[in-house]
Protein backbone atom coordinates (compact mmCIF):
# COMPACT_ATOMS: atom_id res chain seq x y z
CA MET A 1 143.14 111.75 10.89
CA TYR A 2 145.82 110.33 13.60
CA GLN A 3 147.66 111.94 16.30
CA LEU A 4 149.77 110.64 19.17
CA ARG A 5 152.12 111.88 21.59
CA VAL A 6 154.95 109.85 23.65
CA GLN A 7 156.81 111.67 26.43
CA ASP A 8 159.76 109.66 28.37
CA GLY A 9 158.37 106.49 26.90
CA GLN A 10 154.78 106.86 27.96
CA ASP A 11 151.83 107.71 25.90
CA GLN A 12 150.78 110.69 26.36
CA SER A 13 147.57 110.90 24.43
CA GLU A 14 146.40 109.14 21.28
CA SER A 15 143.55 109.74 19.12
CA GLY A 16 142.12 108.49 15.43
CA PHE A 17 143.23 105.71 13.46
CA PHE A 18 146.73 104.86 12.59
CA PHE A 19 147.14 103.69 8.67
CA ARG A 20 150.35 102.24 8.03
CA ALA A 21 150.28 102.84 3.82
CA ARG A 22 149.15 106.68 4.19
CA PRO A 23 152.30 109.23 4.90
CA PHE A 24 152.63 110.54 7.98
CA THR A 25 155.19 112.91 9.89
CA VAL A 26 157.23 112.14 13.36
CA SER A 27 158.28 115.09 15.26
CA VAL A 28 160.96 115.07 17.79
CA ASN A 29 162.09 118.58 19.79
CA GLY A 30 161.19 120.57 16.37
CA ARG A 31 162.20 118.33 13.51
CA ASP A 32 159.06 116.84 11.65
CA LEU A 33 160.31 113.84 9.16
CA SER A 34 157.77 112.54 6.67
CA CYS A 35 157.35 108.80 6.20
CA VAL A 36 155.48 107.97 2.86
CA PHE A 37 154.88 104.16 2.17
CA ARG A 38 155.93 103.76 -1.80
CA LYS A 39 157.87 102.96 -4.44
CA GLY A 40 161.51 103.22 -4.11
CA THR A 41 164.63 103.64 -6.15
CA SER A 42 165.21 99.60 -6.17
CA GLY A 43 161.25 98.84 -7.51
CA LYS A 44 160.17 97.51 -4.15
CA VAL A 45 157.63 99.19 -2.00
CA ILE A 46 159.73 100.89 0.96
CA TYR A 47 158.77 103.56 3.68
CA ALA A 48 161.02 106.51 2.71
CA LEU A 49 162.04 108.99 5.55
CA GLU A 50 162.45 112.43 4.33
CA GLU A 51 163.22 115.46 6.04
CA ALA A 52 162.44 119.03 4.54
CA GLY A 53 161.80 117.07 1.27
CA THR A 54 165.37 114.99 1.31
CA LEU A 55 165.19 111.63 0.89
CA LEU A 56 167.19 110.07 4.22
CA VAL A 57 166.79 106.69 4.16
CA GLU A 58 164.58 103.76 2.98
CA LEU A 59 163.38 101.24 4.90
CA VAL A 60 162.58 97.69 2.97
CA HIS A 61 160.04 95.44 3.36
CA PRO A 62 159.48 92.97 5.29
CA TYR A 63 160.83 94.43 9.00
CA TYR A 64 161.38 98.09 7.71
CA ALA A 65 164.33 98.57 9.92
CA PRO A 66 167.58 100.33 9.09
CA ASP A 67 170.65 98.18 8.06
CA PHE A 68 172.62 99.31 11.88
CA LEU A 69 172.18 98.12 15.13
CA PRO A 70 170.10 100.19 17.76
CA GLU A 71 173.36 100.37 19.69
CA GLU A 72 174.85 102.26 16.57
CA THR A 73 172.90 105.27 16.15
CA SER A 74 175.55 107.12 18.24
CA ARG A 75 177.60 107.09 14.95
CA PHE A 76 175.42 109.83 13.40
CA GLY A 77 176.80 112.25 16.30
CA ASP A 78 174.50 115.10 17.16
CA ASP A 79 171.53 113.67 15.18
CA ALA A 80 171.53 110.48 17.43
CA ASP A 81 169.24 111.52 19.65
CA PHE A 82 166.58 112.23 17.03
CA ILE A 83 167.66 109.16 15.20
CA ARG A 84 166.47 106.97 18.03
CA ALA A 85 163.34 108.63 18.82
CA VAL A 86 161.98 108.43 15.29
CA TYR A 87 162.77 104.88 15.24
CA ALA A 88 160.97 104.42 19.00
CA ALA A 89 158.30 106.11 17.06
CA LEU A 90 158.17 103.66 13.81
CA VAL A 91 158.29 100.50 16.63
CA ARG A 92 155.75 102.32 18.30
CA LEU A 93 153.34 102.41 15.27
CA GLY A 94 154.43 98.82 14.11
CA VAL A 95 155.92 99.70 11.08
CA THR A 96 159.74 98.88 11.96
CA LYS A 97 158.99 95.14 12.94
CA GLU A 98 162.74 93.91 13.51
CA LYS A 99 162.90 91.99 16.67
CA VAL A 100 166.02 93.48 17.49
CA TRP A 101 164.76 97.08 17.13
CA VAL A 102 161.37 95.93 19.18
CA GLN A 103 163.44 94.58 22.00
CA PHE A 104 165.38 97.41 22.04
CA PHE A 105 162.97 100.01 22.56
CA GLN A 106 160.86 98.06 25.43
CA ASP A 107 162.72 99.55 27.84
CA LYS A 108 163.75 103.10 26.53
CA LYS A 109 162.10 106.23 27.10
CA GLU A 110 161.97 108.37 24.38
CA SER A 111 160.11 111.34 23.67
CA PHE A 112 157.79 111.82 20.34
CA SER A 113 154.81 113.03 18.66
CA VAL A 114 153.33 111.31 15.24
CA SER A 115 150.63 113.23 13.40
CA GLN A 116 148.69 111.67 9.90
CA ALA A 117 145.98 113.52 7.87
C-alpha cells in the first residue's frame, strides 16, 4: 500500500512503495481520478485517467504526457486547477516524464494526495 500527501508543492507524508503498473488514485479537493496502466483504445499500453468510471484521457508511451502544453491548462476553465494538480502528481510519481511538464512543475506549489492499494 502506498500513500502520498503533498501540500503546496511539499511532501507532507509518504509511506509504502509506489508501483507504476498498479492502479492508483489521485485526489484533489475532494475529486478522485483513477489512473490505470492498461491496453488503450489504439492497442498500445497507456495510462487511462478516469473520473467516476468515465475515461477522460489516455496518456501514451513513452512520456505519458497530455497533448497540450502545461500553460494551456487554463483552457479547462473551472477544471484547470484540478488538471494541473493531477499532472503535478503524475510528474511527482515519475509517470509523466515529458521534460516540458517536469520543468513546469519544478517551482509550482500544487496540492494533492495519492493512494494505491
